[in-house]
Amino acid sequence: MWEITNTKLEKKFELNNFEHVVEFINLITPICKKMNHHPDFKVYNYKHITFQLFTHDLNSVSEKDYELANQIDELRHQL
């Protein structure tokens, strides 16, 4: 579930291995480019990734962040 943490929309994912983490990021990249909206993310313990979404122009979470969050959730099911 996505949560607001420190004024950012955030979600943590655990994948099977590091290769799936990289594949996940590669799946998300074209969508981010098309939307011109790029998440911050942190990879840790080789198979965990946390995404943070925030609209810098508005200095808050926006509809664009929720749209990207939904896209990320859909792509997660492809792995």
C-alpha atoms as a PDB file:
ATOM      1  CA  MET A   1       0.000   0.000   0.000  1.00  0.00           C
ATOM      2  CA  TRP A   2       1.261   3.461  -0.877  1.00  0.00           C
ATOM      3  CA  GLU A   3       1.586   5.797   2.104  1.00  0.00           C
ATOM      4  CA  ILE A   4       2.402   9.446   2.611  1.00  0.00           C
ATOM      5  CA  THR A   5       5.753   9.582   4.409  1.00  0.00           C
ATOM      6  CA  ASN A   6       7.551  12.889   4.957  1.00  0.00           C
ATOM      7  CA  THR A   7       5.283  14.581   2.379  1.00  0.00           C
ATOM      8  CA  LYS A   8       6.073  11.957  -0.284  1.00  0.00           C
ATOM      9  CA  LEU A   9       4.062   9.051  -1.625  1.00  0.00           C
ATOM     10  CA  GLU A  10       6.083   5.954  -0.729  1.00  0.00           C
ATOM     11  CA  LYS A  11       5.938   2.201  -1.151  1.00  0.00           C
ATOM     12  CA  LYS A  12       8.393  -0.610  -0.430  1.00  0.00           C
ATOM     13  CA  PHE A  13       8.659  -3.706  -2.574  1.00  0.00           C
ATOM     14  CA  GLU A  14      10.447  -6.982  -1.978  1.00  0.00           C
ATOM     15  CA  LEU A  15      11.379  -8.872  -5.109  1.00  0.00           C
ATOM     16  CA  ASN A  16      12.938 -12.293  -5.617  1.00  0.00           C
ATOM     17  CA  ASN A  17      16.469 -11.112  -6.317  1.00  0.00           C
ATOM     18  CA  PHE A  18      18.604  -8.243  -7.554  1.00  0.00           C
ATOM     19  CA  GLU A  19      17.951  -9.102 -11.194  1.00  0.00           C
ATOM     20  CA  HIS A  20      14.205  -8.602 -10.629  1.00  0.00           C
ATOM     21  CA  VAL A  21      14.898  -5.226  -9.018  1.00  0.00           C
ATOM     22  CA  VAL A  22      16.806  -4.119 -12.112  1.00  0.00           C
ATOM     23  CA  GLU A  23      14.116  -5.532 -14.404  1.00  0.00           C
ATOM     24  CA  PHE A  24      11.452  -3.675 -12.403  1.00  0.00           C
ATOM     25  CA  ILE A  25      13.287  -0.378 -12.806  1.00  0.00           C
ATOM     26  CA  ASN A  26      13.719  -1.047 -16.530  1.00  0.00           C
ATOM     27  CA  LEU A  27       9.971  -1.694 -16.897  1.00  0.00           C
ATOM     28  CA  ILE A  28       9.144   1.574 -15.145  1.00  0.00           C
ATOM     29  CA  THR A  29      11.648   3.733 -17.035  1.00  0.00           C
ATOM     30  CA  PRO A  30       9.692   4.202 -20.314  1.00  0.00           C
ATOM     31  CA  ILE A  31       6.530   5.146 -18.414  1.00  0.00           C
ATOM     32  CA  CYS A  32       8.408   7.714 -16.353  1.00  0.00           C
ATOM     33  CA  LYS A  33       9.967   9.144 -19.479  1.00  0.00           C
ATOM     34  CA  LYS A  34       6.590   9.355 -21.240  1.00  0.00           C
ATOM     35  CA  MET A  35       4.987  11.027 -18.213  1.00  0.00           C
ATOM     36  CA  ASN A  36       8.066  13.225 -17.661  1.00  0.00           C
ATOM     37  CA  HIS A  37       7.755  12.230 -14.014  1.00  0.00           C
ATOM     38  CA  HIS A  38      10.592  10.389 -12.324  1.00  0.00           C
ATOM     39  CA  PRO A  39      10.529   8.675  -8.930  1.00  0.00           C
ATOM     40  CA  ASP A  40      13.219   8.675  -6.338  1.00  0.00           C
ATOM     41  CA  PHE A  41      14.118   5.133  -5.383  1.00  0.00           C
ATOM     42  CA  LYS A  42      16.435   3.277  -3.075  1.00  0.00           C
ATOM     43  CA  VAL A  43      17.648  -0.294  -3.561  1.00  0.00           C
ATOM     44  CA  TYR A  44      18.795  -2.080  -0.424  1.00  0.00           C
ATOM     45  CA  ASN A  45      19.512  -5.592   0.816  1.00  0.00           C
ATOM     46  CA  TYR A  46      19.845  -6.674  -2.844  1.00  0.00           C
ATOM     47  CA  LYS A  47      16.145  -7.416  -3.389  1.00  0.00           C
ATOM     48  CA  HIS A  48      14.265  -4.512  -1.813  1.00  0.00           C
ATOM     49  CA  ILE A  49      13.316  -1.244  -3.452  1.00  0.00           C
ATOM     50  CA  THR A  50      11.499   1.776  -2.056  1.00  0.00           C
ATOM     51  CA  PHE A  51       9.919   4.331  -4.364  1.00  0.00           C
ATOM     52  CA  GLN A  52       9.130   7.892  -3.354  1.00  0.00           C
ATOM     53  CA  LEU A  53       6.894  10.035  -5.543  1.00  0.00           C
ATOM     54  CA  PHE A  54       6.618  13.809  -5.243  1.00  0.00           C
ATOM     55  CA  THR A  55       5.734  16.609  -7.644  1.00  0.00           C
ATOM     56  CA  HIS A  56       8.552  19.110  -7.217  1.00  0.00           C
ATOM     57  CA  ASP A  57       6.810  21.896  -9.165  1.00  0.00           C
ATOM     58  CA  LEU A  58       3.901  21.829  -6.708  1.00  0.00           C
ATOM     59  CA  ASN A  59       5.974  20.958  -3.654  1.00  0.00           C
ATOM     60  CA  SER A  60       3.475  18.219  -2.804  1.00  0.00           C
ATOM     61  CA  VAL A  61       2.005  14.893  -3.879  1.00  0.00           C
ATOM     62  CA  SER A  62      -0.236  15.323  -6.916  1.00  0.00           C
ATOM     63  CA  GLU A  63      -2.544  13.309  -9.134  1.00  0.00           C
ATOM     64  CA  LYS A  64       0.477  12.624 -11.348  1.00  0.00           C
ATOM     65  CA  ASP A  65       2.131  10.804  -8.441  1.00  0.00           C
ATOM     66  CA  TYR A  66      -0.932   8.634  -7.882  1.00  0.00           C
ATOM     67  CA  GLU A  67      -1.075   7.851 -11.597  1.00  0.00           C
ATOM     68  CA  LEU A  68       2.571   6.761 -11.594  1.00  0.00           C
ATOM     69  CA  ALA A  69       2.003   4.755  -8.388  1.00  0.00           C
ATOM     70  CA  ASN A  70      -0.798   2.838 -10.115  1.00  0.00           C
ATOM     71  CA  GLN A  71       1.451   2.149 -13.106  1.00  0.00           C
ATOM     72  CA  ILE A  72       4.222   0.897 -10.815  1.00  0.00           C
ATOM     73  CA  ASP A  73       1.779  -1.441  -9.055  1.00  0.00           C
ATOM     74  CA  GLU A  74       0.591  -2.842 -12.396  1.00  0.00           C
ATOM     75  CA  LEU A  75       4.159  -3.446 -13.571  1.00  0.00           C
ATOM     76  CA  ARG A  76       5.037  -5.228 -10.328  1.00  0.00           C
ATOM     77  CA  HIS A  77       2.666  -8.015 -11.319  1.00  0.00           C
ATOM     78  CA  GLN A  78       4.665  -8.629 -14.510  1.00  0.00           C
ATOM     79  CA  LEU A  79       7.659  -9.926 -12.562  1.00  0.00           C
END
